[in-house]
Amino acid sequence: MKYKSRNKGVCSSSVEFDLEDGIVKNVRFEGGCNGNLQGVSILAEGRDAREVSRLLMGVRCGRKNTSCPAQFALAIENALKEQEEQNA
């Protein structure tokens, strides 16, 4: 299933990704630091969504309390919660 989430407090405006059987696929950030976010996207591809979220949660960018990877982690958590609610 495809998900898109607006990011808050970071230079990328949104992140879009697919979740298929708990696996992260097709990650795309809009805006932000292109090279770094390409790296995050490549490293997340094909990995367990909970693992990706656990690894990225709490990452900070400079003095900010968040980062583009942390916003991605929050988006994954929200997507997983939405899937669980749909399956309940």
PDB file of N, CA and C in Angstrom:
ATOM      1  N   MET A   1       0.843  -1.170   0.000  1.00  0.00           N
ATOM      2  CA  MET A   1       0.000   0.000   0.000  1.00  0.00           C
ATOM      3  C   MET A   1       0.894   1.241   0.000  1.00  0.00           C
ATOM      4  N   LYS A   2       0.517   2.264  -0.728  1.00  0.00           N
ATOM      5  CA  LYS A   2       1.271   3.500  -0.863  1.00  0.00           C
ATOM      6  C   LYS A   2       0.898   4.480   0.244  1.00  0.00           C
ATOM      7  N   TYR A   3       1.920   5.132   0.809  1.00  0.00           N
ATOM      8  CA  TYR A   3       1.721   6.134   1.854  1.00  0.00           C
ATOM      9  C   TYR A   3       2.483   7.395   1.500  1.00  0.00           C
ATOM     10  N   LYS A   4       1.931   8.539   1.860  1.00  0.00           N
ATOM     11  CA  LYS A   4       2.611   9.816   1.700  1.00  0.00           C
ATOM     12  C   LYS A   4       2.373  10.615   2.972  1.00  0.00           C
ATOM     13  N   SER A   5       3.452  11.198   3.469  1.00  0.00           N
ATOM     14  CA  SER A   5       3.365  11.940   4.725  1.00  0.00           C
ATOM     15  C   SER A   5       4.071  13.283   4.568  1.00  0.00           C
ATOM     16  N   ARG A   6       3.429  14.340   5.073  1.00  0.00           N
ATOM     17  CA  ARG A   6       4.043  15.671   5.092  1.00  0.00           C
ATOM     18  C   ARG A   6       5.040  15.716   6.243  1.00  0.00           C
ATOM     19  N   ASN A   7       6.224  16.204   5.967  1.00  0.00           N
ATOM     20  CA  ASN A   7       7.249  16.327   7.003  1.00  0.00           C
ATOM     21  C   ASN A   7       7.118  17.661   7.711  1.00  0.00           C
ATOM     22  N   LYS A   8       7.537  17.703   8.963  1.00  0.00           N
ATOM     23  CA  LYS A   8       7.448  18.925   9.769  1.00  0.00           C
ATOM     24  C   LYS A   8       8.815  19.257  10.354  1.00  0.00           C
ATOM     25  N   GLY A   9       9.224  20.521  10.208  1.00  0.00           N
ATOM     26  CA  GLY A   9      10.442  20.996  10.837  1.00  0.00           C
ATOM     27  C   GLY A   9      11.734  20.581  10.167  1.00  0.00           C
ATOM     28  N   VAL A  10      11.657  20.111   8.918  1.00  0.00           N
ATOM     29  CA  VAL A  10      12.854  19.675   8.187  1.00  0.00           C
ATOM     30  C   VAL A  10      12.832  20.249   6.776  1.00  0.00           C
ATOM     31  N   CYS A  11      13.931  20.081   6.050  1.00  0.00           N
ATOM     32  CA  CYS A  11      14.027  20.689   4.722  1.00  0.00           C
ATOM     33  C   CYS A  11      13.269  19.923   3.639  1.00  0.00           C
ATOM     34  N   SER A  12      13.011  18.638   3.826  1.00  0.00           N
ATOM     35  CA  SER A  12      12.177  17.928   2.848  1.00  0.00           C
ATOM     36  C   SER A  12      10.711  18.165   3.205  1.00  0.00           C
ATOM     37  N   SER A  13       9.880  18.292   2.186  1.00  0.00           N
ATOM     38  CA  SER A  13       8.469  18.604   2.454  1.00  0.00           C
ATOM     39  C   SER A  13       7.619  17.362   2.698  1.00  0.00           C
ATOM     40  N   SER A  14       8.021  16.219   2.132  1.00  0.00           N
ATOM     41  CA  SER A  14       7.232  15.005   2.316  1.00  0.00           C
ATOM     42  C   SER A  14       8.074  13.776   2.014  1.00  0.00           C
ATOM     43  N   VAL A  15       7.545  12.634   2.422  1.00  0.00           N
ATOM     44  CA  VAL A  15       8.129  11.341   2.091  1.00  0.00           C
ATOM     45  C   VAL A  15       6.999  10.426   1.632  1.00  0.00           C
ATOM     46  N   GLU A  16       7.271   9.676   0.593  1.00  0.00           N
ATOM     47  CA  GLU A  16       6.299   8.747   0.028  1.00  0.00           C
ATOM     48  C   GLU A  16       6.963   7.371  -0.043  1.00  0.00           C
ATOM     49  N   PHE A  17       6.209   6.325   0.277  1.00  0.00           N
ATOM     50  CA  PHE A  17       6.772   4.976   0.271  1.00  0.00           C
ATOM     51  C   PHE A  17       5.647   3.958   0.185  1.00  0.00           C
ATOM     52  N   ASP A  18       6.010   2.737  -0.130  1.00  0.00           N
ATOM     53  CA  ASP A  18       5.075   1.618  -0.144  1.00  0.00           C
ATOM     54  C   ASP A  18       5.421   0.693   1.011  1.00  0.00           C
ATOM     55  N   LEU A  19       4.393   0.076   1.588  1.00  0.00           N
ATOM     56  CA  LEU A  19       4.562  -0.993   2.569  1.00  0.00           C
ATOM     57  C   LEU A  19       3.892  -2.227   1.997  1.00  0.00           C
ATOM     58  N   GLU A  20       4.681  -3.272   1.796  1.00  0.00           N
ATOM     59  CA  GLU A  20       4.156  -4.531   1.289  1.00  0.00           C
ATOM     60  C   GLU A  20       4.547  -5.637   2.253  1.00  0.00           C
ATOM     61  N   ASP A  21       3.569  -6.179   2.960  1.00  0.00           N
ATOM     62  CA  ASP A  21       3.812  -7.234   3.959  1.00  0.00           C
ATOM     63  C   ASP A  21       4.882  -6.818   4.967  1.00  0.00           C
ATOM     64  N   GLY A  22       4.813  -5.552   5.405  1.00  0.00           N
ATOM     65  CA  GLY A  22       5.738  -5.059   6.417  1.00  0.00           C
ATOM     66  C   GLY A  22       7.110  -4.676   5.897  1.00  0.00           C
ATOM     67  N   ILE A  23       7.280  -4.665   4.583  1.00  0.00           N
ATOM     68  CA  ILE A  23       8.561  -4.341   3.957  1.00  0.00           C
ATOM     69  C   ILE A  23       8.468  -2.975   3.287  1.00  0.00           C
ATOM     70  N   VAL A  24       9.489  -2.139   3.479  1.00  0.00           N
ATOM     71  CA  VAL A  24       9.547  -0.792   2.904  1.00  0.00           C
ATOM     72  C   VAL A  24      10.030  -0.874   1.457  1.00  0.00           C
ATOM     73  N   LYS A  25       9.328  -0.180   0.575  1.00  0.00           N
ATOM     74  CA  LYS A  25       9.702  -0.153  -0.848  1.00  0.00           C
ATOM     75  C   LYS A  25       9.422   1.223  -1.434  1.00  0.00           C
ATOM     76  N   ASN A  26      10.152   1.559  -2.491  1.00  0.00           N
ATOM     77  CA  ASN A  26       9.899   2.757  -3.308  1.00  0.00           C
ATOM     78  C   ASN A  26       9.873   4.053  -2.502  1.00  0.00           C
ATOM     79  N   VAL A  27      10.891   4.274  -1.685  1.00  0.00           N
ATOM     80  CA  VAL A  27      10.961   5.471  -0.847  1.00  0.00           C
ATOM     81  C   VAL A  27      11.389   6.665  -1.692  1.00  0.00           C
ATOM     82  N   ARG A  28      10.633   7.777  -1.548  1.00  0.00           N
ATOM     83  CA  ARG A  28      10.944   9.008  -2.279  1.00  0.00           C
ATOM     84  C   ARG A  28      10.677  10.201  -1.371  1.00  0.00           C
ATOM     85  N   PHE A  29      11.688  11.016  -1.194  1.00  0.00           N
ATOM     86  CA  PHE A  29      11.535  12.265  -0.456  1.00  0.00           C
ATOM     87  C   PHE A  29      11.342  13.389  -1.453  1.00  0.00           C
ATOM     88  N   GLU A  30      10.553  14.384  -1.094  1.00  0.00           N
ATOM     89  CA  GLU A  30      10.396  15.581  -1.904  1.00  0.00           C
ATOM     90  C   GLU A  30      11.182  16.696  -1.231  1.00  0.00           C
ATOM     91  N   GLY A  31      12.156  17.245  -1.941  1.00  0.00           N
ATOM     92  CA  GLY A  31      13.005  18.283  -1.388  1.00  0.00           C
ATOM     93  C   GLY A  31      14.058  17.682  -0.478  1.00  0.00           C
ATOM     94  N   GLY A  32      14.745  18.540   0.241  1.00  0.00           N
ATOM     95  CA  GLY A  32      15.748  18.084   1.178  1.00  0.00           C
ATOM     96  C   GLY A  32      17.115  17.912   0.547  1.00  0.00           C
ATOM     97  N   CYS A  33      18.021  17.341   1.294  1.00  0.00           N
ATOM     98  CA  CYS A  33      19.406  17.106   0.867  1.00  0.00           C
ATOM     99  C   CYS A  33      19.428  15.859  -0.011  1.00  0.00           C
ATOM    100  N   ASN A  34      19.461  16.048  -1.298  1.00  0.00           N
ATOM    101  CA  ASN A  34      19.250  14.983  -2.268  1.00  0.00           C
ATOM    102  C   ASN A  34      20.130  13.756  -2.026  1.00  0.00           C
ATOM    103  N   GLY A  35      21.426  13.950  -1.903  1.00  0.00           N
ATOM    104  CA  GLY A  35      22.321  12.797  -1.745  1.00  0.00           C
ATOM    105  C   GLY A  35      22.048  12.019  -0.475  1.00  0.00           C
ATOM    106  N   ASN A  36      21.890  12.722   0.638  1.00  0.00           N
ATOM    107  CA  ASN A  36      21.628  12.049   1.904  1.00  0.00           C
ATOM    108  C   ASN A  36      20.314  11.282   1.866  1.00  0.00           C
ATOM    109  N   LEU A  37      19.288  11.893   1.296  1.00  0.00           N
ATOM    110  CA  LEU A  37      17.981  11.235   1.284  1.00  0.00           C
ATOM    111  C   LEU A  37      17.935  10.096   0.281  1.00  0.00           C
ATOM    112  N   GLN A  38      18.724  10.172  -0.784  1.00  0.00           N
ATOM    113  CA  GLN A  38      18.848   9.017  -1.676  1.00  0.00           C
ATOM    114  C   GLN A  38      19.472   7.855  -0.907  1.00  0.00           C
ATOM    115  N   GLY A  39      20.479   8.165  -0.081  1.00  0.00           N
ATOM    116  CA  GLY A  39      21.128   7.129   0.723  1.00  0.00           C
ATOM    117  C   GLY A  39      20.162   6.487   1.699  1.00  0.00           C
ATOM    118  N   VAL A  40      19.377   7.304   2.403  1.00  0.00           N
ATOM    119  CA  VAL A  40      18.377   6.773   3.334  1.00  0.00           C
ATOM    120  C   VAL A  40      17.395   5.878   2.582  1.00  0.00           C
ATOM    121  N   SER A  41      16.953   6.342   1.415  1.00  0.00           N
ATOM    122  CA  SER A  41      15.984   5.575   0.618  1.00  0.00           C
ATOM    123  C   SER A  41      16.550   4.234   0.189  1.00  0.00           C
ATOM    124  N   ILE A  42      17.786   4.226  -0.282  1.00  0.00           N
ATOM    125  CA  ILE A  42      18.425   2.983  -0.726  1.00  0.00           C
ATOM    126  C   ILE A  42      18.604   2.016   0.437  1.00  0.00           C
ATOM    127  N   LEU A  43      19.036   2.537   1.584  1.00  0.00           N
ATOM    128  CA  LEU A  43      19.261   1.673   2.743  1.00  0.00           C
ATOM    129  C   LEU A  43      17.963   1.101   3.306  1.00  0.00           C
ATOM    130  N   ALA A  44      16.856   1.822   3.158  1.00  0.00           N
ATOM    131  CA  ALA A  44      15.566   1.362   3.667  1.00  0.00           C
ATOM    132  C   ALA A  44      14.905   0.347   2.732  1.00  0.00           C
ATOM    133  N   GLU A  45      15.239   0.399   1.458  1.00  0.00           N
ATOM    134  CA  GLU A  45      14.588  -0.435   0.441  1.00  0.00           C
ATOM    135  C   GLU A  45      14.689  -1.921   0.781  1.00  0.00           C
ATOM    136  N   GLY A  46      13.541  -2.581   0.848  1.00  0.00           N
ATOM    137  CA  GLY A  46      13.492  -4.024   1.060  1.00  0.00           C
ATOM    138  C   GLY A  46      13.677  -4.462   2.503  1.00  0.00           C
ATOM    139  N   ARG A  47      13.735  -3.512   3.428  1.00  0.00           N
ATOM    140  CA  ARG A  47      13.929  -3.855   4.836  1.00  0.00           C
ATOM    141  C   ARG A  47      12.609  -3.852   5.593  1.00  0.00           C
ATOM    142  N   ASP A  48      12.620  -4.533   6.712  1.00  0.00           N
ATOM    143  CA  ASP A  48      11.465  -4.580   7.591  1.00  0.00           C
ATOM    144  C   ASP A  48      11.135  -3.172   8.088  1.00  0.00           C
ATOM    145  N   ALA A  49       9.875  -2.770   7.968  1.00  0.00           N
ATOM    146  CA  ALA A  49       9.457  -1.415   8.320  1.00  0.00           C
ATOM    147  C   ALA A  49       9.734  -1.088   9.783  1.00  0.00           C
ATOM    148  N   ARG A  50       9.488  -2.010  10.673  1.00  0.00           N
ATOM    149  CA  ARG A  50       9.728  -1.749  12.099  1.00  0.00           C
ATOM    150  C   ARG A  50      11.215  -1.546  12.377  1.00  0.00           C
ATOM    151  N   GLU A  51      12.052  -2.303  11.696  1.00  0.00           N
ATOM    152  CA  GLU A  51      13.494  -2.156  11.859  1.00  0.00           C
ATOM    153  C   GLU A  51      13.950  -0.783  11.359  1.00  0.00           C
ATOM    154  N   VAL A  52      13.471  -0.376  10.191  1.00  0.00           N
ATOM    155  CA  VAL A  52      13.835   0.935   9.644  1.00  0.00           C
ATOM    156  C   VAL A  52      13.391   2.030  10.601  1.00  0.00           C
ATOM    157  N   SER A  53      12.171   1.949  11.081  1.00  0.00           N
ATOM    158  CA  SER A  53      11.662   2.951  12.008  1.00  0.00           C
ATOM    159  C   SER A  53      12.505   3.003  13.279  1.00  0.00           C
ATOM    160  N   ARG A  54      12.835   1.855  13.826  1.00  0.00           N
ATOM    161  CA  ARG A  54      13.634   1.790  15.054  1.00  0.00           C
ATOM    162  C   ARG A  54      15.005   2.434  14.845  1.00  0.00           C
ATOM    163  N   LEU A  55      15.613   2.188  13.698  1.00  0.00           N
ATOM    164  CA  LEU A  55      16.944   2.728  13.421  1.00  0.00           C
ATOM    165  C   LEU A  55      16.933   4.244  13.214  1.00  0.00           C
ATOM    166  N   LEU A  56      15.862   4.771  12.626  1.00  0.00           N
ATOM    167  CA  LEU A  56      15.826   6.192  12.262  1.00  0.00           C
ATOM    168  C   LEU A  56      15.180   7.089  13.311  1.00  0.00           C
ATOM    169  N   MET A  57      14.375   6.515  14.187  1.00  0.00           N
ATOM    170  CA  MET A  57      13.685   7.306  15.202  1.00  0.00           C
ATOM    171  C   MET A  57      14.701   7.997  16.102  1.00  0.00           C
ATOM    172  N   GLY A  58      14.503   9.295  16.297  1.00  0.00           N
ATOM    173  CA  GLY A  58      15.374  10.044  17.197  1.00  0.00           C
ATOM    174  C   GLY A  58      16.589  10.663  16.537  1.00  0.00           C
ATOM    175  N   VAL A  59      16.818  10.400  15.249  1.00  0.00           N
ATOM    176  CA  VAL A  59      17.934  11.040  14.549  1.00  0.00           C
ATOM    177  C   VAL A  59      17.658  12.537  14.494  1.00  0.00           C
ATOM    178  N   ARG A  60      18.680  13.319  14.804  1.00  0.00           N
ATOM    179  CA  ARG A  60      18.521  14.775  14.832  1.00  0.00           C
ATOM    180  C   ARG A  60      19.347  15.407  13.724  1.00  0.00           C
ATOM    181  N   CYS A  61      18.908  16.554  13.254  1.00  0.00           N
ATOM    182  CA  CYS A  61      19.620  17.328  12.242  1.00  0.00           C
ATOM    183  C   CYS A  61      20.079  18.628  12.903  1.00  0.00           C
ATOM    184  N   GLY A  62      21.372  18.740  13.150  1.00  0.00           N
ATOM    185  CA  GLY A  62      21.892  19.929  13.818  1.00  0.00           C
ATOM    186  C   GLY A  62      21.250  20.113  15.178  1.00  0.00           C
ATOM    187  N   ARG A  63      20.727  21.309  15.418  1.00  0.00           N
ATOM    188  CA  ARG A  63      20.091  21.611  16.707  1.00  0.00           C
ATOM    189  C   ARG A  63      18.598  21.295  16.724  1.00  0.00           C
ATOM    190  N   LYS A  64      18.082  20.831  15.599  1.00  0.00           N
ATOM    191  CA  LYS A  64      16.660  20.483  15.530  1.00  0.00           C
ATOM    192  C   LYS A  64      16.404  19.218  16.339  1.00  0.00           C
ATOM    193  N   ASN A  65      15.189  19.077  16.817  1.00  0.00           N
ATOM    194  CA  ASN A  65      14.802  17.869  17.551  1.00  0.00           C
ATOM    195  C   ASN A  65      14.381  16.742  16.630  1.00  0.00           C
ATOM    196  N   THR A  66      14.452  16.967  15.328  1.00  0.00           N
ATOM    197  CA  THR A  66      14.028  15.970  14.357  1.00  0.00           C
ATOM    198  C   THR A  66      14.958  16.030  13.157  1.00  0.00           C
ATOM    199  N   SER A  67      14.663  15.226  12.149  1.00  0.00           N
ATOM    200  CA  SER A  67      15.430  15.181  10.905  1.00  0.00           C
ATOM    201  C   SER A  67      14.553  14.547   9.837  1.00  0.00           C
ATOM    202  N   CYS A  68      15.006  14.574   8.602  1.00  0.00           N
ATOM    203  CA  CYS A  68      14.251  13.895   7.540  1.00  0.00           C
ATOM    204  C   CYS A  68      14.140  12.393   7.826  1.00  0.00           C
ATOM    205  N   PRO A  69      15.223  11.716   8.252  1.00  0.00           N
ATOM    206  CA  PRO A  69      15.072  10.297   8.601  1.00  0.00           C
ATOM    207  C   PRO A  69      14.095  10.069   9.752  1.00  0.00           C
ATOM    208  N   ALA A  70      14.121  10.932  10.769  1.00  0.00           N
ATOM    209  CA  ALA A  70      13.188  10.775  11.895  1.00  0.00           C
ATOM    210  C   ALA A  70      11.746  10.987  11.442  1.00  0.00           C
ATOM    211  N   GLN A  71      11.523  11.922  10.514  1.00  0.00           N
ATOM    212  CA  GLN A  71      10.180  12.132   9.977  1.00  0.00           C
ATOM    213  C   GLN A  71       9.724  10.911   9.188  1.00  0.00           C
ATOM    214  N   PHE A  72      10.649  10.270   8.483  1.00  0.00           N
ATOM    215  CA  PHE A  72      10.354   9.034   7.769  1.00  0.00           C
ATOM    216  C   PHE A  72       9.956   7.949   8.769  1.00  0.00           C
ATOM    217  N   ALA A  73      10.678   7.852   9.890  1.00  0.00           N
ATOM    218  CA  ALA A  73      10.346   6.869  10.923  1.00  0.00           C
ATOM    219  C   ALA A  73       8.933   7.096  11.451  1.00  0.00           C
ATOM    220  N   LEU A  74       8.585   8.346  11.702  1.00  0.00           N
ATOM    221  CA  LEU A  74       7.222   8.656  12.168  1.00  0.00           C
ATOM    222  C   LEU A  74       6.181   8.269  11.122  1.00  0.00           C
ATOM    223  N   ALA A  75       6.489   8.524   9.858  1.00  0.00           N
ATOM    224  CA  ALA A  75       5.560   8.159   8.783  1.00  0.00           C
ATOM    225  C   ALA A  75       5.368   6.649   8.725  1.00  0.00           C
ATOM    226  N   ILE A  76       6.442   5.903   8.901  1.00  0.00           N
ATOM    227  CA  ILE A  76       6.344   4.439   8.918  1.00  0.00           C
ATOM    228  C   ILE A  76       5.464   3.981  10.078  1.00  0.00           C
ATOM    229  N   GLU A  77       5.693   4.538  11.266  1.00  0.00           N
ATOM    230  CA  GLU A  77       4.888   4.169  12.433  1.00  0.00           C
ATOM    231  C   GLU A  77       3.409   4.450  12.188  1.00  0.00           C
ATOM    232  N   ASN A  78       3.105   5.597  11.602  1.00  0.00           N
ATOM    233  CA  ASN A  78       1.711   5.942  11.300  1.00  0.00           C
ATOM    234  C   ASN A  78       1.119   4.992  10.272  1.00  0.00           C
ATOM    235  N   ALA A  79       1.898   4.616   9.268  1.00  0.00           N
ATOM    236  CA  ALA A  79       1.417   3.689   8.245  1.00  0.00           C
ATOM    237  C   ALA A  79       1.150   2.310   8.846  1.00  0.00           C
ATOM    238  N   LEU A  80       2.050   1.854   9.706  1.00  0.00           N
ATOM    239  CA  LEU A  80       1.851   0.555  10.355  1.00  0.00           C
ATOM    240  C   LEU A  80       0.607   0.567  11.236  1.00  0.00           C
ATOM    241  N   LYS A  81       0.410   1.657  11.958  1.00  0.00           N
ATOM    242  CA  LYS A  81      -0.776   1.779  12.809  1.00  0.00           C
ATOM    243  C   LYS A  81      -2.049   1.765  11.956  1.00  0.00           C
ATOM    244  N   GLU A  82      -2.019   2.480  10.834  1.00  0.00           N
ATOM    245  CA  GLU A  82      -3.168   2.513   9.931  1.00  0.00           C
ATOM    246  C   GLU A  82      -3.472   1.112   9.393  1.00  0.00           C
ATOM    247  N   GLN A  83      -2.431   0.370   9.023  1.00  0.00           N
ATOM    248  CA  GLN A  83      -2.628  -0.997   8.526  1.00  0.00           C
ATOM    249  C   GLN A  83      -3.236  -1.885   9.613  1.00  0.00           C
ATOM    250  N   GLU A  84      -2.741  -1.757  10.838  1.00  0.00           N
ATOM    251  CA  GLU A  84      -3.263  -2.563  11.938  1.00  0.00           C
ATOM    252  C   GLU A  84      -4.743  -2.269  12.176  1.00  0.00           C
ATOM    253  N   GLU A  85      -5.119  -0.991  12.116  1.00  0.00           N
ATOM    254  CA  GLU A  85      -6.512  -0.608  12.317  1.00  0.00           C
ATOM    255  C   GLU A  85      -7.408  -1.146  11.207  1.00  0.00           C
ATOM    256  N   GLN A  86      -6.892  -1.164   9.986  1.00  0.00           N
ATOM    257  CA  GLN A  86      -7.662  -1.690   8.858  1.00  0.00           C
ATOM    258  C   GLN A  86      -7.853  -3.199   8.978  1.00  0.00           C
ATOM    259  N   ASN A  87      -6.878  -3.883   9.562  1.00  0.00           N
ATOM    260  CA  ASN A  87      -6.941  -5.333   9.682  1.00  0.00           C
ATOM    261  C   ASN A  87      -7.662  -5.798  10.932  1.00  0.00           C
ATOM    262  N   ALA A  88      -8.037  -4.859  11.808  1.00  0.00           N
ATOM    263  CA  ALA A  88      -8.699  -5.238  13.067  1.00  0.00           C
ATOM    264  C   ALA A  88     -10.150  -5.573  12.845  1.00  0.00           C
TER     265      ALA A  88
END
